[in-house]
Amino acid sequence: MAKLITSCPSCQDASVVVTKIECQSCGTKFEGEFEVPRLLKLSADDLAFVEQFLLTSGSLKDMAKKLSVSYPTVRNLLNNIIEEIERLTKDSKSMRSKVLSELEKGTITAKEAAKRLRGV
């Protein structure tokens, strides 16, 4: 199964939305605009790190052993992921503010604002 695309392969913009979900068991389909969770917007390497972090119960010492690197290296990797999540959060808040500002100025309709906000 293909990995969920979280940024446009053409322009690299991260404002893609999931528009269809299907149950493989019963075939039920859901269509609309679904938010991509911030964690899924992390790189494959960062997601793998987060998964291992959880499997080691958050022990950086155990992570260092598992990855065969030093504790400070693991700490730096974790700090980089934290910074990326903070950036994604900031981008989301910034986009919301921009949409609400455009709505207030009347440059977009309420319907368009609602559509954009669902994608943020």
PDB file of N, CA and C in Angstrom:
ATOM      1  N   MET A   1       0.840  -1.170   0.000  1.00  0.00           N
ATOM      2  CA  MET A   1       0.000   0.000   0.000  1.00  0.00           C
ATOM      3  C   MET A   1       0.890   1.239   0.000  1.00  0.00           C
ATOM      4  N   ALA A   2       0.512   2.228  -0.771  1.00  0.00           N
ATOM      5  CA  ALA A   2       1.291   3.458  -0.878  1.00  0.00           C
ATOM      6  C   ALA A   2       1.181   4.285   0.395  1.00  0.00           C
ATOM      7  N   LYS A   3       2.239   5.033   0.692  1.00  0.00           N
ATOM      8  CA  LYS A   3       2.261   5.936   1.836  1.00  0.00           C
ATOM      9  C   LYS A   3       1.408   7.161   1.521  1.00  0.00           C
ATOM     10  N   LEU A   4       0.728   7.674   2.520  1.00  0.00           N
ATOM     11  CA  LEU A   4      -0.076   8.874   2.360  1.00  0.00           C
ATOM     12  C   LEU A   4       0.812  10.037   1.936  1.00  0.00           C
ATOM     13  N   ILE A   5       0.440  10.718   0.876  1.00  0.00           N
ATOM     14  CA  ILE A   5       1.195  11.880   0.403  1.00  0.00           C
ATOM     15  C   ILE A   5       0.775  13.080   1.231  1.00  0.00           C
ATOM     16  N   THR A   6       1.749  13.775   1.823  1.00  0.00           N
ATOM     17  CA  THR A   6       1.422  14.915   2.679  1.00  0.00           C
ATOM     18  C   THR A   6       1.884  16.241   2.104  1.00  0.00           C
ATOM     19  N   SER A   7       2.545  16.192   0.948  1.00  0.00           N
ATOM     20  CA  SER A   7       2.887  17.428   0.235  1.00  0.00           C
ATOM     21  C   SER A   7       2.799  17.140  -1.258  1.00  0.00           C
ATOM     22  N   CYS A   8       2.526  18.188  -2.023  1.00  0.00           N
ATOM     23  CA  CYS A   8       2.325  18.027  -3.455  1.00  0.00           C
ATOM     24  C   CYS A   8       3.639  17.636  -4.140  1.00  0.00           C
ATOM     25  N   PRO A   9       3.647  16.543  -4.903  1.00  0.00           N
ATOM     26  CA  PRO A   9       4.873  16.143  -5.595  1.00  0.00           C
ATOM     27  C   PRO A   9       5.270  17.120  -6.686  1.00  0.00           C
ATOM     28  N   SER A  10       4.337  17.937  -7.152  1.00  0.00           N
ATOM     29  CA  SER A  10       4.620  18.885  -8.222  1.00  0.00           C
ATOM     30  C   SER A  10       5.241  20.174  -7.703  1.00  0.00           C
ATOM     31  N   CYS A  11       4.583  20.809  -6.698  1.00  0.00           N
ATOM     32  CA  CYS A  11       5.066  22.120  -6.227  1.00  0.00           C
ATOM     33  C   CYS A  11       5.642  22.057  -4.815  1.00  0.00           C
ATOM     34  N   GLN A  12       5.612  20.888  -4.155  1.00  0.00           N
ATOM     35  CA  GLN A  12       6.113  20.663  -2.808  1.00  0.00           C
ATOM     36  C   GLN A  12       5.328  21.409  -1.729  1.00  0.00           C
ATOM     37  N   ASP A  13       4.182  22.007  -2.065  1.00  0.00           N
ATOM     38  CA  ASP A  13       3.357  22.680  -1.073  1.00  0.00           C
ATOM     39  C   ASP A  13       2.739  21.621  -0.167  1.00  0.00           C
ATOM     40  N   ALA A  14       2.635  21.933   1.118  1.00  0.00           N
ATOM     41  CA  ALA A  14       2.130  20.951   2.082  1.00  0.00           C
ATOM     42  C   ALA A  14       0.634  21.092   2.339  1.00  0.00           C
ATOM     43  N   SER A  15      -0.080  21.801   1.480  1.00  0.00           N
ATOM     44  CA  SER A  15      -1.511  21.968   1.747  1.00  0.00           C
ATOM     45  C   SER A  15      -2.368  20.973   0.977  1.00  0.00           C
ATOM     46  N   VAL A  16      -1.938  19.726   0.949  1.00  0.00           N
ATOM     47  CA  VAL A  16      -2.759  18.686   0.331  1.00  0.00           C
ATOM     48  C   VAL A  16      -3.788  18.210   1.355  1.00  0.00           C
ATOM     49  N   VAL A  17      -4.920  17.713   0.863  1.00  0.00           N
ATOM     50  CA  VAL A  17      -5.945  17.166   1.740  1.00  0.00           C
ATOM     51  C   VAL A  17      -6.311  15.769   1.271  1.00  0.00           C
ATOM     52  N   VAL A  18      -6.715  14.941   2.193  1.00  0.00           N
ATOM     53  CA  VAL A  18      -7.217  13.614   1.871  1.00  0.00           C
ATOM     54  C   VAL A  18      -8.686  13.803   1.535  1.00  0.00           C
ATOM     55  N   THR A  19      -9.119  13.254   0.403  1.00  0.00           N
ATOM     56  CA  THR A  19     -10.500  13.463  -0.020  1.00  0.00           C
ATOM     57  C   THR A  19     -11.330  12.190  -0.055  1.00  0.00           C
ATOM     58  N   LYS A  20     -10.706  11.044   0.123  1.00  0.00           N
ATOM     59  CA  LYS A  20     -11.462   9.796   0.078  1.00  0.00           C
ATOM     60  C   LYS A  20     -10.813   8.778   1.013  1.00  0.00           C
ATOM     61  N   ILE A  21     -11.667   8.100   1.776  1.00  0.00           N
ATOM     62  CA  ILE A  21     -11.219   7.042   2.669  1.00  0.00           C
ATOM     63  C   ILE A  21     -12.116   5.839   2.411  1.00  0.00           C
ATOM     64  N   GLU A  22     -11.512   4.662   2.329  1.00  0.00           N
ATOM     65  CA  GLU A  22     -12.297   3.460   2.063  1.00  0.00           C
ATOM     66  C   GLU A  22     -11.901   2.353   3.026  1.00  0.00           C
ATOM     67  N   CYS A  23     -12.910   1.672   3.574  1.00  0.00           N
ATOM     68  CA  CYS A  23     -12.674   0.523   4.451  1.00  0.00           C
ATOM     69  C   CYS A  23     -12.369  -0.690   3.587  1.00  0.00           C
ATOM     70  N   GLN A  24     -11.218  -1.307   3.800  1.00  0.00           N
ATOM     71  CA  GLN A  24     -10.850  -2.489   3.024  1.00  0.00           C
ATOM     72  C   GLN A  24     -11.676  -3.705   3.413  1.00  0.00           C
ATOM     73  N   SER A  25     -12.236  -3.696   4.596  1.00  0.00           N
ATOM     74  CA  SER A  25     -13.016  -4.833   5.063  1.00  0.00           C
ATOM     75  C   SER A  25     -14.413  -4.875   4.440  1.00  0.00           C
ATOM     76  N   CYS A  26     -15.136  -3.744   4.512  1.00  0.00           N
ATOM     77  CA  CYS A  26     -16.529  -3.760   4.036  1.00  0.00           C
ATOM     78  C   CYS A  26     -16.766  -2.925   2.782  1.00  0.00           C
ATOM     79  N   GLY A  27     -15.765  -2.142   2.363  1.00  0.00           N
ATOM     80  CA  GLY A  27     -15.908  -1.340   1.152  1.00  0.00           C
ATOM     81  C   GLY A  27     -16.602  -0.005   1.342  1.00  0.00           C
ATOM     82  N   THR A  28     -16.971   0.351   2.579  1.00  0.00           N
ATOM     83  CA  THR A  28     -17.598   1.643   2.826  1.00  0.00           C
ATOM     84  C   THR A  28     -16.623   2.753   2.446  1.00  0.00           C
ATOM     85  N   LYS A  29     -17.136   3.762   1.739  1.00  0.00           N
ATOM     86  CA  LYS A  29     -16.297   4.875   1.297  1.00  0.00           C
ATOM     87  C   LYS A  29     -16.781   6.176   1.926  1.00  0.00           C
ATOM     88  N   PHE A  30     -15.818   7.008   2.290  1.00  0.00           N
ATOM     89  CA  PHE A  30     -16.095   8.318   2.850  1.00  0.00           C
ATOM     90  C   PHE A  30     -15.417   9.339   1.954  1.00  0.00           C
ATOM     91  N   GLU A  31     -16.156  10.338   1.531  1.00  0.00           N
ATOM     92  CA  GLU A  31     -15.571  11.390   0.701  1.00  0.00           C
ATOM     93  C   GLU A  31     -15.773  12.729   1.379  1.00  0.00           C
ATOM     94  N   GLY A  32     -14.803  13.596   1.263  1.00  0.00           N
ATOM     95  CA  GLY A  32     -14.825  14.925   1.874  1.00  0.00           C
ATOM     96  C   GLY A  32     -13.410  15.450   1.919  1.00  0.00           C
ATOM     97  N   GLU A  33     -13.153  16.359   2.833  1.00  0.00           N
ATOM     98  CA  GLU A  33     -11.799  16.865   3.038  1.00  0.00           C
ATOM     99  C   GLU A  33     -11.394  16.521   4.455  1.00  0.00           C
ATOM    100  N   PHE A  34     -10.380  15.657   4.593  1.00  0.00           N
ATOM    101  CA  PHE A  34      -9.938  15.185   5.885  1.00  0.00           C
ATOM    102  C   PHE A  34      -8.548  15.738   6.186  1.00  0.00           C
ATOM    103  N   GLU A  35      -8.381  16.177   7.414  1.00  0.00           N
ATOM    104  CA  GLU A  35      -7.111  16.760   7.841  1.00  0.00           C
ATOM    105  C   GLU A  35      -6.030  15.684   7.932  1.00  0.00           C
ATOM    106  N   VAL A  36      -4.836  16.024   7.481  1.00  0.00           N
ATOM    107  CA  VAL A  36      -3.677  15.147   7.640  1.00  0.00           C
ATOM    108  C   VAL A  36      -3.034  15.514   8.985  1.00  0.00           C
ATOM    109  N   PRO A  37      -2.970  14.575   9.926  1.00  0.00           N
ATOM    110  CA  PRO A  37      -2.381  14.879  11.237  1.00  0.00           C
ATOM    111  C   PRO A  37      -0.931  15.351  11.099  1.00  0.00           C
ATOM    112  N   ARG A  38      -0.542  16.262  11.975  1.00  0.00           N
ATOM    113  CA  ARG A  38       0.819  16.832  11.924  1.00  0.00           C
ATOM    114  C   ARG A  38       1.895  15.764  11.947  1.00  0.00           C
ATOM    115  N   LEU A  39       1.726  14.741  12.786  1.00  0.00           N
ATOM    116  CA  LEU A  39       2.769  13.711  12.866  1.00  0.00           C
ATOM    117  C   LEU A  39       2.993  13.025  11.522  1.00  0.00           C
ATOM    118  N   LEU A  40       1.938  12.877  10.730  1.00  0.00           N
ATOM    119  CA  LEU A  40       2.091  12.229   9.425  1.00  0.00           C
ATOM    120  C   LEU A  40       2.793  13.135   8.418  1.00  0.00           C
ATOM    121  N   LYS A  41       2.963  14.394   8.762  1.00  0.00           N
ATOM    122  CA  LYS A  41       3.679  15.319   7.887  1.00  0.00           C
ATOM    123  C   LYS A  41       5.194  15.267   8.125  1.00  0.00           C
ATOM    124  N   LEU A  42       5.604  14.497   9.128  1.00  0.00           N
ATOM    125  CA  LEU A  42       7.037  14.320   9.376  1.00  0.00           C
ATOM    126  C   LEU A  42       7.642  13.428   8.294  1.00  0.00           C
ATOM    127  N   SER A  43       8.945  13.517   8.132  1.00  0.00           N
ATOM    128  CA  SER A  43       9.630  12.667   7.163  1.00  0.00           C
ATOM    129  C   SER A  43       9.563  11.211   7.607  1.00  0.00           C
ATOM    130  N   ALA A  44       9.822  10.302   6.686  1.00  0.00           N
ATOM    131  CA  ALA A  44       9.804   8.867   7.000  1.00  0.00           C
ATOM    132  C   ALA A  44      10.815   8.542   8.100  1.00  0.00           C
ATOM    133  N   ASP A  45      11.991   9.161   8.048  1.00  0.00           N
ATOM    134  CA  ASP A  45      13.014   8.915   9.077  1.00  0.00           C
ATOM    135  C   ASP A  45      12.539   9.404  10.444  1.00  0.00           C
ATOM    136  N   ASP A  46      11.917  10.582  10.464  1.00  0.00           N
ATOM    137  CA  ASP A  46      11.419  11.126  11.731  1.00  0.00           C
ATOM    138  C   ASP A  46      10.299  10.254  12.291  1.00  0.00           C
ATOM    139  N   LEU A  47       9.419   9.771  11.426  1.00  0.00           N
ATOM    140  CA  LEU A  47       8.347   8.886  11.876  1.00  0.00           C
ATOM    141  C   LEU A  47       8.903   7.580  12.437  1.00  0.00           C
ATOM    142  N   ALA A  48       9.928   7.055  11.793  1.00  0.00           N
ATOM    143  CA  ALA A  48      10.562   5.824  12.284  1.00  0.00           C
ATOM    144  C   ALA A  48      11.181   6.070  13.661  1.00  0.00           C
ATOM    145  N   PHE A  49      11.789   7.234  13.835  1.00  0.00           N
ATOM    146  CA  PHE A  49      12.377   7.585  15.129  1.00  0.00           C
ATOM    147  C   PHE A  49      11.289   7.659  16.192  1.00  0.00           C
ATOM    148  N   VAL A  50      10.195   8.344  15.879  1.00  0.00           N
ATOM    149  CA  VAL A  50       9.093   8.483  16.843  1.00  0.00           C
ATOM    150  C   VAL A  50       8.542   7.109  17.227  1.00  0.00           C
ATOM    151  N   GLU A  51       8.397   6.229  16.250  1.00  0.00           N
ATOM    152  CA  GLU A  51       7.902   4.882  16.530  1.00  0.00           C
ATOM    153  C   GLU A  51       8.848   4.142  17.480  1.00  0.00           C
ATOM    154  N   GLN A  52      10.146   4.197  17.205  1.00  0.00           N
ATOM    155  CA  GLN A  52      11.121   3.527  18.077  1.00  0.00           C
ATOM    156  C   GLN A  52      11.141   4.172  19.464  1.00  0.00           C
ATOM    157  N   PHE A  53      10.986   5.485  19.500  1.00  0.00           N
ATOM    158  CA  PHE A  53      10.948   6.221  20.764  1.00  0.00           C
ATOM    159  C   PHE A  53       9.798   5.699  21.625  1.00  0.00           C
ATOM    160  N   LEU A  54       8.646   5.516  21.015  1.00  0.00           N
ATOM    161  CA  LEU A  54       7.490   5.002  21.745  1.00  0.00           C
ATOM    162  C   LEU A  54       7.709   3.555  22.186  1.00  0.00           C
ATOM    163  N   LEU A  55       8.287   2.757  21.301  1.00  0.00           N
ATOM    164  CA  LEU A  55       8.523   1.347  21.632  1.00  0.00           C
ATOM    165  C   LEU A  55       9.551   1.162  22.748  1.00  0.00           C
ATOM    166  N   THR A  56      10.409   2.149  22.953  1.00  0.00           N
ATOM    167  CA  THR A  56      11.379   2.097  24.050  1.00  0.00           C
ATOM    168  C   THR A  56      10.861   2.868  25.269  1.00  0.00           C
ATOM    169  N   SER A  57       9.569   3.153  25.269  1.00  0.00           N
ATOM    170  CA  SER A  57       8.920   3.889  26.370  1.00  0.00           C
ATOM    171  C   SER A  57       9.551   5.248  26.611  1.00  0.00           C
ATOM    172  N   GLY A  58      10.053   5.852  25.555  1.00  0.00           N
ATOM    173  CA  GLY A  58      10.620   7.192  25.659  1.00  0.00           C
ATOM    174  C   GLY A  58      12.003   7.237  26.283  1.00  0.00           C
ATOM    175  N   SER A  59      12.679   6.115  26.339  1.00  0.00           N
ATOM    176  CA  SER A  59      14.012   6.067  26.941  1.00  0.00           C
ATOM    177  C   SER A  59      15.063   6.440  25.895  1.00  0.00           C
ATOM    178  N   LEU A  60      15.664   7.611  26.064  1.00  0.00           N
ATOM    179  CA  LEU A  60      16.717   8.035  25.134  1.00  0.00           C
ATOM    180  C   LEU A  60      17.942   7.136  25.265  1.00  0.00           C
ATOM    181  N   LYS A  61      18.175   6.634  26.460  1.00  0.00           N
ATOM    182  CA  LYS A  61      19.300   5.720  26.687  1.00  0.00           C
ATOM    183  C   LYS A  61      19.105   4.444  25.862  1.00  0.00           C
ATOM    184  N   ASP A  62      17.895   3.880  25.906  1.00  0.00           N
ATOM    185  CA  ASP A  62      17.602   2.677  25.122  1.00  0.00           C
ATOM    186  C   ASP A  62      17.638   2.974  23.618  1.00  0.00           C
ATOM    187  N   MET A  63      17.187   4.153  23.250  1.00  0.00           N
ATOM    188  CA  MET A  63      17.230   4.561  21.834  1.00  0.00           C
ATOM    189  C   MET A  63      18.677   4.608  21.347  1.00  0.00           C
ATOM    190  N   ALA A  64      19.549   5.176  22.156  1.00  0.00           N
ATOM    191  CA  ALA A  64      20.965   5.275  21.787  1.00  0.00           C
ATOM    192  C   ALA A  64      21.557   3.888  21.558  1.00  0.00           C
ATOM    193  N   LYS A  65      21.219   2.954  22.427  1.00  0.00           N
ATOM    194  CA  LYS A  65      21.706   1.579  22.265  1.00  0.00           C
ATOM    195  C   LYS A  65      21.154   0.960  20.986  1.00  0.00           C
ATOM    196  N   LYS A  66      19.848   1.109  20.787  1.00  0.00           N
ATOM    197  CA  LYS A  66      19.183   0.506  19.622  1.00  0.00           C
ATOM    198  C   LYS A  66      19.747   1.069  18.313  1.00  0.00           C
ATOM    199  N   LEU A  67      20.038   2.376  18.289  1.00  0.00           N
ATOM    200  CA  LEU A  67      20.538   3.024  17.069  1.00  0.00           C
ATOM    201  C   LEU A  67      22.062   2.996  16.964  1.00  0.00           C
ATOM    202  N   SER A  68      22.707   2.504  17.991  1.00  0.00           N
ATOM    203  CA  SER A  68      24.187   2.460  18.058  1.00  0.00           C
ATOM    204  C   SER A  68      24.803   3.845  17.867  1.00  0.00           C
ATOM    205  N   VAL A  69      24.233   4.806  18.570  1.00  0.00           N
ATOM    206  CA  VAL A  69      24.761   6.177  18.559  1.00  0.00           C
ATOM    207  C   VAL A  69      24.813   6.676  19.999  1.00  0.00           C
ATOM    208  N   SER A  70      25.415   7.833  20.179  1.00  0.00           N
ATOM    209  CA  SER A  70      25.532   8.378  21.529  1.00  0.00           C
ATOM    210  C   SER A  70      24.213   8.997  22.001  1.00  0.00           C
ATOM    211  N   TYR A  71      24.096   9.112  23.308  1.00  0.00           N
ATOM    212  CA  TYR A  71      22.915   9.739  23.902  1.00  0.00           C
ATOM    213  C   TYR A  71      22.712  11.160  23.368  1.00  0.00           C
ATOM    214  N   PRO A  72      23.775  12.005  23.303  1.00  0.00           N
ATOM    215  CA  PRO A  72      23.579  13.361  22.770  1.00  0.00           C
ATOM    216  C   PRO A  72      23.073  13.371  21.317  1.00  0.00           C
ATOM    217  N   THR A  73      23.493  12.389  20.534  1.00  0.00           N
ATOM    218  CA  THR A  73      23.007  12.301  19.147  1.00  0.00           C
ATOM    219  C   THR A  73      21.504  12.040  19.132  1.00  0.00           C
ATOM    220  N   VAL A  74      21.052  11.119  19.965  1.00  0.00           N
ATOM    221  CA  VAL A  74      19.620  10.812  20.049  1.00  0.00           C
ATOM    222  C   VAL A  74      18.854  12.034  20.539  1.00  0.00           C
ATOM    223  N   ARG A  75      19.416  12.720  21.527  1.00  0.00           N
ATOM    224  CA  ARG A  75      18.773  13.931  22.058  1.00  0.00           C
ATOM    225  C   ARG A  75      18.628  14.971  20.951  1.00  0.00           C
ATOM    226  N   ASN A  76      19.668  15.137  20.122  1.00  0.00           N
ATOM    227  CA  ASN A  76      19.610  16.095  19.008  1.00  0.00           C
ATOM    228  C   ASN A  76      18.562  15.689  17.977  1.00  0.00           C
ATOM    229  N   LEU A  77      18.475  14.396  17.688  1.00  0.00           N
ATOM    230  CA  LEU A  77      17.456  13.914  16.749  1.00  0.00           C
ATOM    231  C   LEU A  77      16.059  14.236  17.275  1.00  0.00           C
ATOM    232  N   LEU A  78      15.851  13.981  18.564  1.00  0.00           N
ATOM    233  CA  LEU A  78      14.554  14.274  19.176  1.00  0.00           C
ATOM    234  C   LEU A  78      14.269  15.772  19.144  1.00  0.00           C
ATOM    235  N   ASN A  79      15.269  16.583  19.464  1.00  0.00           N
ATOM    236  CA  ASN A  79      15.086  18.042  19.427  1.00  0.00           C
ATOM    237  C   ASN A  79      14.705  18.519  18.026  1.00  0.00           C
ATOM    238  N   ASN A  80      15.313  17.928  17.003  1.00  0.00           N
ATOM    239  CA  ASN A  80      14.981  18.310  15.619  1.00  0.00           C
ATOM    240  C   ASN A  80      13.528  17.981  15.290  1.00  0.00           C
ATOM    241  N   ILE A  81      13.059  16.841  15.761  1.00  0.00           N
ATOM    242  CA  ILE A  81      11.666  16.451  15.522  1.00  0.00           C
ATOM    243  C   ILE A  81      10.728  17.387  16.270  1.00  0.00           C
ATOM    244  N   ILE A  82      11.072  17.732  17.492  1.00  0.00           N
ATOM    245  CA  ILE A  82      10.260  18.678  18.264  1.00  0.00           C
ATOM    246  C   ILE A  82      10.173  20.013  17.537  1.00  0.00           C
ATOM    247  N   GLU A  83      11.303  20.494  17.029  1.00  0.00           N
ATOM    248  CA  GLU A  83      11.312  21.762  16.280  1.00  0.00           C
ATOM    249  C   GLU A  83      10.437  21.682  15.025  1.00  0.00           C
ATOM    250  N   GLU A  84      10.462  20.548  14.347  1.00  0.00           N
ATOM    251  CA  GLU A  84       9.650  20.379  13.143  1.00  0.00           C
ATOM    252  C   GLU A  84       8.160  20.380  13.487  1.00  0.00           C
ATOM    253  N   ILE A  85       7.786  19.718  14.563  1.00  0.00           N
ATOM    254  CA  ILE A  85       6.383  19.717  14.986  1.00  0.00           C
ATOM    255  C   ILE A  85       5.958  21.129  15.379  1.00  0.00           C
ATOM    256  N   GLU A  86       6.830  21.851  16.066  1.00  0.00           N
ATOM    257  CA  GLU A  86       6.521  23.242  16.431  1.00  0.00           C
ATOM    258  C   GLU A  86       6.355  24.104  15.181  1.00  0.00           C
ATOM    259  N   ARG A  87       7.189  23.884  14.167  1.00  0.00           N
ATOM    260  CA  ARG A  87       7.083  24.631  12.919  1.00  0.00           C
ATOM    261  C   ARG A  87       5.765  24.326  12.218  1.00  0.00           C
ATOM    262  N   LEU A  88       5.405  23.062  12.183  1.00  0.00           N
ATOM    263  CA  LEU A  88       4.136  22.669  11.557  1.00  0.00           C
ATOM    264  C   LEU A  88       2.947  23.282  12.293  1.00  0.00           C
ATOM    265  N   THR A  89       3.035  23.340  13.619  1.00  0.00           N
ATOM    266  CA  THR A  89       1.976  23.956  14.424  1.00  0.00           C
ATOM    267  C   THR A  89       1.884  25.447  14.125  1.00  0.00           C
ATOM    268  N   LYS A  90       3.039  26.100  14.053  1.00  0.00           N
ATOM    269  CA  LYS A  90       3.078  27.539  13.761  1.00  0.00           C
ATOM    270  C   LYS A  90       2.517  27.814  12.370  1.00  0.00           C
ATOM    271  N   ASP A  91       2.908  26.994  11.394  1.00  0.00           N
ATOM    272  CA  ASP A  91       2.399  27.166  10.028  1.00  0.00           C
ATOM    273  C   ASP A  91       0.885  27.041   9.990  1.00  0.00           C
ATOM    274  N   SER A  92       0.353  26.101  10.741  1.00  0.00           N
ATOM    275  CA  SER A  92      -1.089  25.874  10.787  1.00  0.00           C
ATOM    276  C   SER A  92      -1.799  27.083  11.386  1.00  0.00           C
ATOM    277  N   LYS A  93      -1.258  27.611  12.482  1.00  0.00           N
ATOM    278  CA  LYS A  93      -1.858  28.785  13.123  1.00  0.00           C
ATOM    279  C   LYS A  93      -1.756  30.000  12.209  1.00  0.00           C
ATOM    280  N   SER A  94      -0.630  30.136  11.530  1.00  0.00           N
ATOM    281  CA  SER A  94      -0.429  31.254  10.613  1.00  0.00           C
ATOM    282  C   SER A  94      -1.426  31.193   9.458  1.00  0.00           C
ATOM    283  N   MET A  95      -1.661  30.001   8.932  1.00  0.00           N
ATOM    284  CA  MET A  95      -2.602  29.827   7.836  1.00  0.00           C
ATOM    285  C   MET A  95      -4.016  30.164   8.294  1.00  0.00           C
ATOM    286  N   ARG A  96      -4.377  29.741   9.486  1.00  0.00           N
ATOM    287  CA  ARG A  96      -5.706  30.058  10.028  1.00  0.00           C
ATOM    288  C   ARG A  96      -5.887  31.571  10.130  1.00  0.00           C
ATOM    289  N   SER A  97      -4.866  32.261  10.652  1.00  0.00           N
ATOM    290  CA  SER A  97      -4.936  33.715  10.792  1.00  0.00           C
ATOM    291  C   SER A  97      -5.095  34.390   9.438  1.00  0.00           C
ATOM    292  N   LYS A  98      -4.366  33.889   8.451  1.00  0.00           N
ATOM    293  CA  LYS A  98      -4.444  34.453   7.100  1.00  0.00           C
ATOM    294  C   LYS A  98      -5.847  34.298   6.518  1.00  0.00           C
ATOM    295  N   VAL A  99      -6.421  33.119   6.666  1.00  0.00           N
ATOM    296  CA  VAL A  99      -7.766  32.859   6.140  1.00  0.00           C
ATOM    297  C   VAL A  99      -8.787  33.753   6.837  1.00  0.00           C
ATOM    298  N   LEU A 100      -8.695  33.853   8.160  1.00  0.00           N
ATOM    299  CA  LEU A 100      -9.649  34.682   8.894  1.00  0.00           C
ATOM    300  C   LEU A 100      -9.498  36.159   8.531  1.00  0.00           C
ATOM    301  N   SER A 101      -8.275  36.579   8.285  1.00  0.00           N
ATOM    302  CA  SER A 101      -8.034  37.962   7.861  1.00  0.00           C
ATOM    303  C   SER A 101      -8.656  38.231   6.489  1.00  0.00           C
ATOM    304  N   GLU A 102      -8.478  37.289   5.563  1.00  0.00           N
ATOM    305  CA  GLU A 102      -9.082  37.438   4.224  1.00  0.00           C
ATOM    306  C   GLU A 102     -10.600  37.454   4.307  1.00  0.00           C
ATOM    307  N   LEU A 103     -11.153  36.657   5.187  1.00  0.00           N
ATOM    308  CA  LEU A 103     -12.602  36.630   5.376  1.00  0.00           C
ATOM    309  C   LEU A 103     -13.088  37.963   5.930  1.00  0.00           C
ATOM    310  N   GLU A 104     -12.370  38.471   6.905  1.00  0.00           N
ATOM    311  CA  GLU A 104     -12.731  39.756   7.518  1.00  0.00           C
ATOM    312  C   GLU A 104     -12.684  40.896   6.507  1.00  0.00           C
ATOM    313  N   LYS A 105     -11.696  40.874   5.611  1.00  0.00           N
ATOM    314  CA  LYS A 105     -11.556  41.909   4.582  1.00  0.00           C
ATOM    315  C   LYS A 105     -12.568  41.735   3.457  1.00  0.00           C
ATOM    316  N   GLY A 106     -13.197  40.566   3.405  1.00  0.00           N
ATOM    317  CA  GLY A 106     -14.176  40.310   2.355  1.00  0.00           C
ATOM    318  C   GLY A 106     -13.570  39.830   1.053  1.00  0.00           C
ATOM    319  N   THR A 107     -12.298  39.440   1.073  1.00  0.00           N
ATOM    320  CA  THR A 107     -11.658  38.967  -0.161  1.00  0.00           C
ATOM    321  C   THR A 107     -12.004  37.510  -0.467  1.00  0.00           C
ATOM    322  N   ILE A 108     -12.528  36.784   0.544  1.00  0.00           N
ATOM    323  CA  ILE A 108     -13.028  35.427   0.307  1.00  0.00           C
ATOM    324  C   ILE A 108     -14.385  35.290   0.989  1.00  0.00           C
ATOM    325  N   THR A 109     -15.171  34.343   0.531  1.00  0.00           N
ATOM    326  CA  THR A 109     -16.479  34.094   1.115  1.00  0.00           C
ATOM    327  C   THR A 109     -16.355  33.210   2.356  1.00  0.00           C
ATOM    328  N   ALA A 110     -17.411  33.172   3.139  1.00  0.00           N
ATOM    329  CA  ALA A 110     -17.430  32.309   4.324  1.00  0.00           C
ATOM    330  C   ALA A 110     -17.276  30.851   3.908  1.00  0.00           C
ATOM    331  N   LYS A 111     -17.890  30.488   2.791  1.00  0.00           N
ATOM    332  CA  LYS A 111     -17.805  29.110   2.301  1.00  0.00           C
ATOM    333  C   LYS A 111     -16.350  28.761   1.951  1.00  0.00           C
ATOM    334  N   GLU A 112     -15.664  29.680   1.266  1.00  0.00           N
ATOM    335  CA  GLU A 112     -14.266  29.456   0.902  1.00  0.00           C
ATOM    336  C   GLU A 112     -13.396  29.392   2.153  1.00  0.00           C
ATOM    337  N   ALA A 113     -13.665  30.279   3.127  1.00  0.00           N
ATOM    338  CA  ALA A 113     -12.901  30.270   4.380  1.00  0.00           C
ATOM    339  C   ALA A 113     -13.068  28.942   5.104  1.00  0.00           C
ATOM    340  N   ALA A 114     -14.305  28.468   5.168  1.00  0.00           N
ATOM    341  CA  ALA A 114     -14.567  27.181   5.845  1.00  0.00           C
ATOM    342  C   ALA A 114     -13.822  26.054   5.132  1.00  0.00           C
ATOM    343  N   LYS A 115     -13.833  26.071   3.807  1.00  0.00           N
ATOM    344  CA  LYS A 115     -13.136  25.037   3.041  1.00  0.00           C
ATOM    345  C   LYS A 115     -11.638  25.059   3.336  1.00  0.00           C
ATOM    346  N   ARG A 116     -11.045  26.259   3.343  1.00  0.00           N
ATOM    347  CA  ARG A 116      -9.609  26.370   3.618  1.00  0.00           C
ATOM    348  C   ARG A 116      -9.269  25.960   5.038  1.00  0.00           C
ATOM    349  N   LEU A 117     -10.117  26.351   5.989  1.00  0.00           N
ATOM    350  CA  LEU A 117      -9.845  26.035   7.391  1.00  0.00           C
ATOM    351  C   LEU A 117      -9.923  24.541   7.651  1.00  0.00           C
ATOM    352  N   ARG A 118     -10.759  23.834   6.913  1.00  0.00           N
ATOM    353  CA  ARG A 118     -10.819  22.379   7.068  1.00  0.00           C
ATOM    354  C   ARG A 118      -9.509  21.741   6.646  1.00  0.00           C
ATOM    355  N   GLY A 119      -8.807  22.358   5.712  1.00  0.00           N
ATOM    356  CA  GLY A 119      -7.543  21.811   5.219  1.00  0.00           C
ATOM    357  C   GLY A 119      -6.346  22.157   6.067  1.00  0.00           C
ATOM    358  N   VAL A 120      -6.532  23.026   7.060  1.00  0.00           N
ATOM    359  CA  VAL A 120      -5.408  23.477   7.895  1.00  0.00           C
ATOM    360  C   VAL A 120      -5.217  22.558   9.071  1.00  0.00           C
TER     361      VAL A 120
END
